[in-house]
Amino acid sequence: DQDDEEQERVARRLRWARDRELRRPLSPQHLS
């Protein structure tokens, strides 16, 4: 159970990091 909870926390952090990366503005050299 502890391992499952830890894996869920890691997966949640990865999703948050991915969402932040996707929403981060691109550099001026790139167009969205």
PDB file of all heavy atoms in Angstrom:
ATOM      1  N   ASP A   1       0.832  -1.206   0.000  1.00  0.00           N
ATOM      2  CA  ASP A   1       0.000   0.000   0.000  1.00  0.00           C
ATOM      3  C   ASP A   1       0.866   1.256   0.000  1.00  0.00           C
ATOM      4  O   ASP A   1       0.571   2.230  -0.709  1.00  0.00           O
ATOM      5  CB  ASP A   1      -0.921   0.005   1.224  1.00  0.00           C
ATOM      6  CG  ASP A   1      -1.988  -1.090   1.135  1.00  0.00           C
ATOM      7  OD1 ASP A   1      -2.250  -1.552  -0.006  1.00  0.00           O
ATOM      8  OD2 ASP A   1      -2.546  -1.460   2.187  1.00  0.00           O
ATOM      9  N   GLN A   2       1.946   1.225   0.814  1.00  0.00           N
ATOM     10  CA  GLN A   2       2.833   2.387   0.846  1.00  0.00           C
ATOM     11  C   GLN A   2       3.516   2.599  -0.503  1.00  0.00           C
ATOM     12  O   GLN A   2       3.669   3.739  -0.957  1.00  0.00           O
ATOM     13  CB  GLN A   2       3.875   2.214   1.952  1.00  0.00           C
ATOM     14  CG  GLN A   2       3.293   2.246   3.357  1.00  0.00           C
ATOM     15  CD  GLN A   2       4.346   1.982   4.412  1.00  0.00           C
ATOM     16  OE1 GLN A   2       5.513   1.744   4.100  1.00  0.00           O
ATOM     17  NE2 GLN A   2       3.931   1.994   5.691  1.00  0.00           N
ATOM     18  N   ASP A   3       3.905   1.495  -1.148  1.00  0.00           N
ATOM     19  CA  ASP A   3       4.540   1.622  -2.466  1.00  0.00           C
ATOM     20  C   ASP A   3       3.559   2.199  -3.485  1.00  0.00           C
ATOM     21  O   ASP A   3       3.927   3.037  -4.319  1.00  0.00           O
ATOM     22  CB  ASP A   3       5.036   0.254  -2.934  1.00  0.00           C
ATOM     23  CG  ASP A   3       6.203  -0.248  -2.083  1.00  0.00           C
ATOM     24  OD1 ASP A   3       6.828   0.593  -1.399  1.00  0.00           O
ATOM     25  OD2 ASP A   3       6.467  -1.463  -2.110  1.00  0.00           O
ATOM     26  N   ASP A   4       2.287   1.751  -3.430  1.00  0.00           N
ATOM     27  CA  ASP A   4       1.288   2.278  -4.366  1.00  0.00           C
ATOM     28  C   ASP A   4       1.062   3.760  -4.144  1.00  0.00           C
ATOM     29  O   ASP A   4       0.951   4.543  -5.106  1.00  0.00           O
ATOM     30  CB  ASP A   4      -0.029   1.513  -4.197  1.00  0.00           C
ATOM     31  CG  ASP A   4       0.079   0.070  -4.662  1.00  0.00           C
ATOM     32  OD1 ASP A   4       1.024  -0.223  -5.428  1.00  0.00           O
ATOM     33  OD2 ASP A   4      -0.765  -0.756  -4.248  1.00  0.00           O
ATOM     34  N   GLU A   5       0.981   4.192  -2.875  1.00  0.00           N
ATOM     35  CA  GLU A   5       0.793   5.608  -2.577  1.00  0.00           C
ATOM     36  C   GLU A   5       1.988   6.437  -3.062  1.00  0.00           C
ATOM     37  O   GLU A   5       1.817   7.535  -3.603  1.00  0.00           O
ATOM     38  CB  GLU A   5       0.591   5.801  -1.081  1.00  0.00           C
ATOM     39  CG  GLU A   5      -0.730   5.227  -0.556  1.00  0.00           C
ATOM     40  CD  GLU A   5      -0.848   5.383   0.947  1.00  0.00           C
ATOM     41  OE1 GLU A   5       0.115   5.927   1.541  1.00  0.00           O
ATOM     42  OE2 GLU A   5      -1.880   4.977   1.508  1.00  0.00           O
ATOM     43  N   GLU A   6       3.198   5.893  -2.873  1.00  0.00           N
ATOM     44  CA  GLU A   6       4.385   6.605  -3.323  1.00  0.00           C
ATOM     45  C   GLU A   6       4.400   6.719  -4.852  1.00  0.00           C
ATOM     46  O   GLU A   6       4.740   7.775  -5.406  1.00  0.00           O
ATOM     47  CB  GLU A   6       5.645   5.874  -2.837  1.00  0.00           C
ATOM     48  CG  GLU A   6       6.948   6.560  -3.235  1.00  0.00           C
ATOM     49  CD  GLU A   6       7.081   7.937  -2.622  1.00  0.00           C
ATOM     50  OE1 GLU A   6       6.467   8.186  -1.572  1.00  0.00           O
ATOM     51  OE2 GLU A   6       7.817   8.767  -3.209  1.00  0.00           O
ATOM     52  N   GLN A   7       4.036   5.647  -5.543  1.00  0.00           N
ATOM     53  CA  GLN A   7       3.982   5.703  -7.002  1.00  0.00           C
ATOM     54  C   GLN A   7       2.933   6.707  -7.475  1.00  0.00           C
ATOM     55  O   GLN A   7       3.142   7.431  -8.454  1.00  0.00           O
ATOM     56  CB  GLN A   7       3.677   4.312  -7.564  1.00  0.00           C
ATOM     57  CG  GLN A   7       4.810   3.315  -7.383  1.00  0.00           C
ATOM     58  CD  GLN A   7       4.434   1.930  -7.873  1.00  0.00           C
ATOM     59  OE1 GLN A   7       3.318   1.713  -8.357  1.00  0.00           O
ATOM     60  NE2 GLN A   7       5.358   0.987  -7.725  1.00  0.00           N
ATOM     61  N   GLU A   8       1.804   6.772  -6.773  1.00  0.00           N
ATOM     62  CA  GLU A   8       0.768   7.734  -7.139  1.00  0.00           C
ATOM     63  C   GLU A   8       1.248   9.165  -6.942  1.00  0.00           C
ATOM     64  O   GLU A   8       0.977  10.044  -7.775  1.00  0.00           O
ATOM     65  CB  GLU A   8      -0.485   7.475  -6.298  1.00  0.00           C
ATOM     66  CG  GLU A   8      -1.648   8.416  -6.603  1.00  0.00           C
ATOM     67  CD  GLU A   8      -2.149   8.290  -8.012  1.00  0.00           C
ATOM     68  OE1 GLU A   8      -2.005   7.198  -8.601  1.00  0.00           O
ATOM     69  OE2 GLU A   8      -2.688   9.288  -8.545  1.00  0.00           O
ATOM     70  N   ARG A   9       1.984   9.407  -5.839  1.00  0.00           N
ATOM     71  CA  ARG A   9       2.514  10.746  -5.607  1.00  0.00           C
ATOM     72  C   ARG A   9       3.530  11.128  -6.684  1.00  0.00           C
ATOM     73  O   ARG A   9       3.538  12.258  -7.170  1.00  0.00           O
ATOM     74  CB  ARG A   9       3.158  10.824  -4.213  1.00  0.00           C
ATOM     75  CG  ARG A   9       2.155  10.918  -3.075  1.00  0.00           C
ATOM     76  CD  ARG A   9       2.847  11.359  -1.797  1.00  0.00           C
ATOM     77  NE  ARG A   9       3.785  10.344  -1.330  1.00  0.00           N
ATOM     78  CZ  ARG A   9       3.491   9.366  -0.485  1.00  0.00           C
ATOM     79  NH1 ARG A   9       2.250   9.266  -0.017  1.00  0.00           N
ATOM     80  NH2 ARG A   9       4.407   8.490  -0.100  1.00  0.00           N
ATOM     81  N   VAL A  10       4.380  10.177  -7.041  1.00  0.00           N
ATOM     82  CA  VAL A  10       5.371  10.450  -8.091  1.00  0.00           C
ATOM     83  C   VAL A  10       4.683  10.741  -9.418  1.00  0.00           C
ATOM     84  O   VAL A  10       5.042  11.687 -10.142  1.00  0.00           O
ATOM     85  CB  VAL A  10       6.351   9.271  -8.224  1.00  0.00           C
ATOM     86  CG1 VAL A  10       7.246   9.456  -9.448  1.00  0.00           C
ATOM     87  CG2 VAL A  10       7.189   9.124  -6.968  1.00  0.00           C
ATOM     88  N   ALA A  11       3.670   9.944  -9.756  1.00  0.00           N
ATOM     89  CA  ALA A  11       2.943  10.155 -11.009  1.00  0.00           C
ATOM     90  C   ALA A  11       2.238  11.507 -11.010  1.00  0.00           C
ATOM     91  O   ALA A  11       2.202  12.206 -12.038  1.00  0.00           O
ATOM     92  CB  ALA A  11       1.936   9.022 -11.227  1.00  0.00           C
ATOM     93  N   ARG A  12       1.679  11.897  -9.844  1.00  0.00           N
ATOM     94  CA  ARG A  12       0.999  13.186  -9.750  1.00  0.00           C
ATOM     95  C   ARG A  12       1.987  14.330  -9.946  1.00  0.00           C
ATOM     96  O   ARG A  12       1.697  15.294 -10.649  1.00  0.00           O
ATOM     97  CB  ARG A  12       0.292  13.300  -8.401  1.00  0.00           C
ATOM     98  CG  ARG A  12      -0.681  14.474  -8.333  1.00  0.00           C
ATOM     99  CD  ARG A  12      -1.332  14.585  -6.966  1.00  0.00           C
ATOM    100  NE  ARG A  12      -2.056  13.354  -6.629  1.00  0.00           N
ATOM    101  CZ  ARG A  12      -1.738  12.545  -5.634  1.00  0.00           C
ATOM    102  NH1 ARG A  12      -0.686  12.818  -4.857  1.00  0.00           N
ATOM    103  NH2 ARG A  12      -2.446  11.459  -5.387  1.00  0.00           N
ATOM    104  N   ARG A  13       3.173  14.219  -9.339  1.00  0.00           N
ATOM    105  CA  ARG A  13       4.187  15.268  -9.513  1.00  0.00           C
ATOM    106  C   ARG A  13       4.634  15.361 -10.963  1.00  0.00           C
ATOM    107  O   ARG A  13       4.867  16.453 -11.484  1.00  0.00           O
ATOM    108  CB  ARG A  13       5.386  15.002  -8.593  1.00  0.00           C
ATOM    109  CG  ARG A  13       5.113  15.295  -7.121  1.00  0.00           C
ATOM    110  CD  ARG A  13       6.422  15.388  -6.352  1.00  0.00           C
ATOM    111  NE  ARG A  13       7.120  14.105  -6.339  1.00  0.00           N
ATOM    112  CZ  ARG A  13       6.992  13.198  -5.388  1.00  0.00           C
ATOM    113  NH1 ARG A  13       6.179  13.430  -4.364  1.00  0.00           N
ATOM    114  NH2 ARG A  13       7.660  12.066  -5.439  1.00  0.00           N
ATOM    115  N   LEU A  14       4.766  14.215 -11.619  1.00  0.00           N
ATOM    116  CA  LEU A  14       5.161  14.222 -13.024  1.00  0.00           C
ATOM    117  C   LEU A  14       4.099  14.885 -13.891  1.00  0.00           C
ATOM    118  O   LEU A  14       4.420  15.621 -14.831  1.00  0.00           O
ATOM    119  CB  LEU A  14       5.426  12.784 -13.499  1.00  0.00           C
ATOM    120  CG  LEU A  14       6.673  12.100 -12.927  1.00  0.00           C
ATOM    121  CD1 LEU A  14       6.742  10.652 -13.399  1.00  0.00           C
ATOM    122  CD2 LEU A  14       7.935  12.855 -13.356  1.00  0.00           C
ATOM    123  N   ARG A  15       2.813  14.619 -13.590  1.00  0.00           N
ATOM    124  CA  ARG A  15       1.739  15.255 -14.362  1.00  0.00           C
ATOM    125  C   ARG A  15       1.742  16.763 -14.165  1.00  0.00           C
ATOM    126  O   ARG A  15       1.571  17.527 -15.111  1.00  0.00           O
ATOM    127  CB  ARG A  15       0.380  14.662 -13.955  1.00  0.00           C
ATOM    128  CG  ARG A  15       0.139  13.249 -14.472  1.00  0.00           C
ATOM    129  CD  ARG A  15      -1.341  12.895 -14.385  1.00  0.00           C
ATOM    130  NE  ARG A  15      -1.817  12.901 -13.005  1.00  0.00           N
ATOM    131  CZ  ARG A  15      -1.803  11.847 -12.208  1.00  0.00           C
ATOM    132  NH1 ARG A  15      -1.329  10.685 -12.655  1.00  0.00           N
ATOM    133  NH2 ARG A  15      -2.268  11.927 -10.968  1.00  0.00           N
ATOM    134  N   TRP A  16       1.932  17.197 -12.904  1.00  0.00           N
ATOM    135  CA  TRP A  16       1.984  18.640 -12.638  1.00  0.00           C
ATOM    136  C   TRP A  16       3.160  19.279 -13.381  1.00  0.00           C
ATOM    137  O   TRP A  16       3.033  20.358 -13.955  1.00  0.00           O
ATOM    138  CB  TRP A  16       2.115  18.890 -11.140  1.00  0.00           C
ATOM    139  CG  TRP A  16       0.867  18.594 -10.375  1.00  0.00           C
ATOM    140  CD1 TRP A  16      -0.394  18.471 -10.888  1.00  0.00           C
ATOM    141  CD2 TRP A  16       0.751  18.390  -8.960  1.00  0.00           C
ATOM    142  NE1 TRP A  16      -1.293  18.194  -9.886  1.00  0.00           N
ATOM    143  CE2 TRP A  16      -0.623  18.140  -8.681  1.00  0.00           C
ATOM    144  CE3 TRP A  16       1.656  18.388  -7.905  1.00  0.00           C
ATOM    145  CZ2 TRP A  16      -1.083  17.902  -7.402  1.00  0.00           C
ATOM    146  CZ3 TRP A  16       1.195  18.153  -6.624  1.00  0.00           C
ATOM    147  CH2 TRP A  16      -0.170  17.924  -6.376  1.00  0.00           C
ATOM    148  N   ALA A  17       4.323  18.629 -13.347  1.00  0.00           N
ATOM    149  CA  ALA A  17       5.491  19.181 -14.037  1.00  0.00           C
ATOM    150  C   ALA A  17       5.253  19.253 -15.542  1.00  0.00           C
ATOM    151  O   ALA A  17       5.639  20.224 -16.203  1.00  0.00           O
ATOM    152  CB  ALA A  17       6.725  18.321 -13.728  1.00  0.00           C
ATOM    153  N   ARG A  18       4.608  18.212 -16.089  1.00  0.00           N
ATOM    154  CA  ARG A  18       4.325  18.209 -17.527  1.00  0.00           C
ATOM    155  C   ARG A  18       3.340  19.320 -17.888  1.00  0.00           C
ATOM    156  O   ARG A  18       3.516  20.020 -18.889  1.00  0.00           O
ATOM    157  CB  ARG A  18       3.744  16.850 -17.939  1.00  0.00           C
ATOM    158  CG  ARG A  18       3.473  16.725 -19.431  1.00  0.00           C
ATOM    159  CD  ARG A  18       2.740  15.439 -19.719  1.00  0.00           C
ATOM    160  NE  ARG A  18       1.462  15.410 -19.016  1.00  0.00           N
ATOM    161  CZ  ARG A  18       0.656  14.354 -18.963  1.00  0.00           C
ATOM    162  NH1 ARG A  18       1.017  13.229 -19.553  1.00  0.00           N
ATOM    163  NH2 ARG A  18      -0.486  14.426 -18.309  1.00  0.00           N
ATOM    164  N   ASP A  19       2.304  19.509 -17.062  1.00  0.00           N
ATOM    165  CA  ASP A  19       1.334  20.574 -17.332  1.00  0.00           C
ATOM    166  C   ASP A  19       1.993  21.948 -17.270  1.00  0.00           C
ATOM    167  O   ASP A  19       1.704  22.823 -18.090  1.00  0.00           O
ATOM    168  CB  ASP A  19       0.175  20.500 -16.333  1.00  0.00           C
ATOM    169  CG  ASP A  19      -0.696  19.267 -16.545  1.00  0.00           C
ATOM    170  OD1 ASP A  19      -0.615  18.682 -17.645  1.00  0.00           O
ATOM    171  OD2 ASP A  19      -1.426  18.888 -15.609  1.00  0.00           O
ATOM    172  N   ARG A  20       2.872  22.135 -16.268  1.00  0.00           N
ATOM    173  CA  ARG A  20       3.567  23.418 -16.179  1.00  0.00           C
ATOM    174  C   ARG A  20       4.446  23.646 -17.397  1.00  0.00           C
ATOM    175  O   ARG A  20       4.531  24.752 -17.921  1.00  0.00           O
ATOM    176  CB  ARG A  20       4.415  23.471 -14.904  1.00  0.00           C
ATOM    177  CG  ARG A  20       3.619  23.674 -13.628  1.00  0.00           C
ATOM    178  CD  ARG A  20       4.526  24.118 -12.495  1.00  0.00           C
ATOM    179  NE  ARG A  20       5.577  23.144 -12.220  1.00  0.00           N
ATOM    180  CZ  ARG A  20       5.462  22.142 -11.370  1.00  0.00           C
ATOM    181  NH1 ARG A  20       4.334  21.970 -10.693  1.00  0.00           N
ATOM    182  NH2 ARG A  20       6.461  21.305 -11.174  1.00  0.00           N
ATOM    183  N   GLU A  21       5.104  22.590 -17.867  1.00  0.00           N
ATOM    184  CA  GLU A  21       5.970  22.714 -19.032  1.00  0.00           C
ATOM    185  C   GLU A  21       5.168  23.026 -20.291  1.00  0.00           C
ATOM    186  O   GLU A  21       5.573  23.851 -21.114  1.00  0.00           O
ATOM    187  CB  GLU A  21       6.772  21.412 -19.224  1.00  0.00           C
ATOM    188  CG  GLU A  21       7.684  21.417 -20.433  1.00  0.00           C
ATOM    189  CD  GLU A  21       8.790  22.466 -20.323  1.00  0.00           C
ATOM    190  OE1 GLU A  21       9.130  22.849 -19.190  1.00  0.00           O
ATOM    191  OE2 GLU A  21       9.277  22.910 -21.374  1.00  0.00           O
ATOM    192  N   LEU A  22       3.994  22.390 -20.420  1.00  0.00           N
ATOM    193  CA  LEU A  22       3.170  22.637 -21.604  1.00  0.00           C
ATOM    194  C   LEU A  22       2.589  24.038 -21.610  1.00  0.00           C
ATOM    195  O   LEU A  22       2.371  24.619 -22.682  1.00  0.00           O
ATOM    196  CB  LEU A  22       2.042  21.593 -21.664  1.00  0.00           C
ATOM    197  CG  LEU A  22       2.459  20.162 -21.992  1.00  0.00           C
ATOM    198  CD1 LEU A  22       1.252  19.237 -21.913  1.00  0.00           C
ATOM    199  CD2 LEU A  22       3.102  20.081 -23.369  1.00  0.00           C
ATOM    200  N   ARG A  23       2.310  24.582 -20.434  1.00  0.00           N
ATOM    201  CA  ARG A  23       1.721  25.917 -20.344  1.00  0.00           C
ATOM    202  C   ARG A  23       2.764  27.027 -20.256  1.00  0.00           C
ATOM    203  O   ARG A  23       2.410  28.200 -20.321  1.00  0.00           O
ATOM    204  CB  ARG A  23       0.785  25.992 -19.136  1.00  0.00           C
ATOM    205  CG  ARG A  23      -0.427  25.092 -19.273  1.00  0.00           C
ATOM    206  CD  ARG A  23      -1.350  25.211 -18.093  1.00  0.00           C
ATOM    207  NE  ARG A  23      -2.490  24.315 -18.224  1.00  0.00           N
ATOM    208  CZ  ARG A  23      -3.586  24.594 -18.900  1.00  0.00           C
ATOM    209  NH1 ARG A  23      -3.688  25.763 -19.503  1.00  0.00           N
ATOM    210  NH2 ARG A  23      -4.570  23.730 -18.981  1.00  0.00           N
ATOM    211  N   ARG A  24       4.021  26.664 -20.122  1.00  0.00           N
ATOM    212  CA  ARG A  24       5.061  27.678 -20.054  1.00  0.00           C
ATOM    213  C   ARG A  24       5.218  28.327 -21.420  1.00  0.00           C
ATOM    214  O   ARG A  24       5.271  27.641 -22.447  1.00  0.00           O
ATOM    215  CB  ARG A  24       6.384  27.046 -19.622  1.00  0.00           C
ATOM    216  CG  ARG A  24       7.535  28.040 -19.502  1.00  0.00           C
ATOM    217  CD  ARG A  24       8.800  27.316 -19.101  1.00  0.00           C
ATOM    218  NE  ARG A  24       8.629  26.625 -17.829  1.00  0.00           N
ATOM    219  CZ  ARG A  24       9.515  25.766 -17.329  1.00  0.00           C
ATOM    220  NH1 ARG A  24      10.617  25.498 -18.015  1.00  0.00           N
ATOM    221  NH2 ARG A  24       9.296  25.176 -16.170  1.00  0.00           N
ATOM    222  N   PRO A  25       5.266  29.675 -21.477  1.00  0.00           N
ATOM    223  CA  PRO A  25       5.393  30.344 -22.772  1.00  0.00           C
ATOM    224  C   PRO A  25       6.635  29.890 -23.528  1.00  0.00           C
ATOM    225  O   PRO A  25       7.701  29.680 -22.941  1.00  0.00           O
ATOM    226  CB  PRO A  25       5.473  31.829 -22.401  1.00  0.00           C
ATOM    227  CG  PRO A  25       4.840  31.916 -21.050  1.00  0.00           C
ATOM    228  CD  PRO A  25       5.156  30.623 -20.366  1.00  0.00           C
ATOM    229  N   LEU A  26       6.496  29.755 -24.837  1.00  0.00           N
ATOM    230  CA  LEU A  26       7.631  29.417 -25.671  1.00  0.00           C
ATOM    231  C   LEU A  26       8.588  30.596 -25.755  1.00  0.00           C
ATOM    232  O   LEU A  26       8.240  31.736 -25.473  1.00  0.00           O
ATOM    233  CB  LEU A  26       7.146  29.040 -27.076  1.00  0.00           C
ATOM    234  CG  LEU A  26       6.320  27.758 -27.193  1.00  0.00           C
ATOM    235  CD1 LEU A  26       5.714  27.674 -28.578  1.00  0.00           C
ATOM    236  CD2 LEU A  26       7.161  26.538 -26.918  1.00  0.00           C
ATOM    237  N   SER A  27       9.797  30.325 -26.175  1.00  0.00           N
ATOM    238  CA  SER A  27      10.770  31.402 -26.329  1.00  0.00           C
ATOM    239  C   SER A  27      10.378  32.291 -27.502  1.00  0.00           C
ATOM    240  O   SER A  27       9.594  31.896 -28.364  1.00  0.00           O
ATOM    241  CB  SER A  27      12.163  30.797 -26.571  1.00  0.00           C
ATOM    242  OG  SER A  27      12.188  30.139 -27.826  1.00  0.00           O
ATOM    243  N   PRO A  28      10.936  33.524 -27.551  1.00  0.00           N
ATOM    244  CA  PRO A  28      10.585  34.423 -28.652  1.00  0.00           C
ATOM    245  C   PRO A  28      10.946  33.880 -30.029  1.00  0.00           C
ATOM    246  O   PRO A  28      10.462  34.398 -31.041  1.00  0.00           O
ATOM    247  CB  PRO A  28      11.390  35.692 -28.320  1.00  0.00           C
ATOM    248  CG  PRO A  28      11.613  35.638 -26.854  1.00  0.00           C
ATOM    249  CD  PRO A  28      11.752  34.175 -26.526  1.00  0.00           C
ATOM    250  N   GLN A  29      11.800  32.860 -30.100  1.00  0.00           N
ATOM    251  CA  GLN A  29      12.176  32.303 -31.390  1.00  0.00           C
ATOM    252  C   GLN A  29      11.146  31.306 -31.910  1.00  0.00           C
ATOM    253  O   GLN A  29      11.269  30.844 -33.050  1.00  0.00           O
ATOM    254  CB  GLN A  29      13.543  31.600 -31.291  1.00  0.00           C
ATOM    255  CG  GLN A  29      14.724  32.548 -31.185  1.00  0.00           C
ATOM    256  CD  GLN A  29      14.855  33.178 -29.810  1.00  0.00           C
ATOM    257  OE1 GLN A  29      14.388  32.608 -28.824  1.00  0.00           O
ATOM    258  NE2 GLN A  29      15.478  34.335 -29.743  1.00  0.00           N
ATOM    259  N   HIS A  30      10.141  30.972 -31.117  1.00  0.00           N
ATOM    260  CA  HIS A  30       9.149  29.983 -31.515  1.00  0.00           C
ATOM    261  C   HIS A  30       7.760  30.607 -31.493  1.00  0.00           C
ATOM    262  O   HIS A  30       7.442  31.428 -30.637  1.00  0.00           O
ATOM    263  CB  HIS A  30       9.187  28.770 -30.569  1.00  0.00           C
ATOM    264  CG  HIS A  30      10.484  28.021 -30.598  1.00  0.00           C
ATOM    265  ND1 HIS A  30      11.568  28.401 -29.837  1.00  0.00           N
ATOM    266  CD2 HIS A  30      10.874  26.920 -31.308  1.00  0.00           C
ATOM    267  CE1 HIS A  30      12.570  27.558 -30.059  1.00  0.00           C
ATOM    268  NE2 HIS A  30      12.181  26.657 -30.947  1.00  0.00           N
ATOM    269  N   LEU A  31       6.951  30.205 -32.452  1.00  0.00           N
ATOM    270  CA  LEU A  31       5.568  30.651 -32.523  1.00  0.00           C
ATOM    271  C   LEU A  31       4.657  29.531 -32.048  1.00  0.00           C
ATOM    272  O   LEU A  31       4.890  28.358 -32.349  1.00  0.00           O
ATOM    273  CB  LEU A  31       5.187  31.047 -33.955  1.00  0.00           C
ATOM    274  CG  LEU A  31       5.931  32.247 -34.547  1.00  0.00           C
ATOM    275  CD1 LEU A  31       5.497  32.466 -35.992  1.00  0.00           C
ATOM    276  CD2 LEU A  31       5.678  33.501 -33.727  1.00  0.00           C
ATOM    277  N   SER A  32       3.619  29.905 -31.324  1.00  0.00           N
ATOM    278  CA  SER A  32       2.644  28.925 -30.859  1.00  0.00           C
ATOM    279  C   SER A  32       1.481  28.851 -31.841  1.00  0.00           C
ATOM    280  O   SER A  32       1.398  29.628 -32.809  1.00  0.00           O
ATOM    281  CB  SER A  32       2.130  29.315 -29.470  1.00  0.00           C
ATOM    282  OG  SER A  32       1.383  30.520 -29.546  1.00  0.00           O
TER     283      SER A  32
END
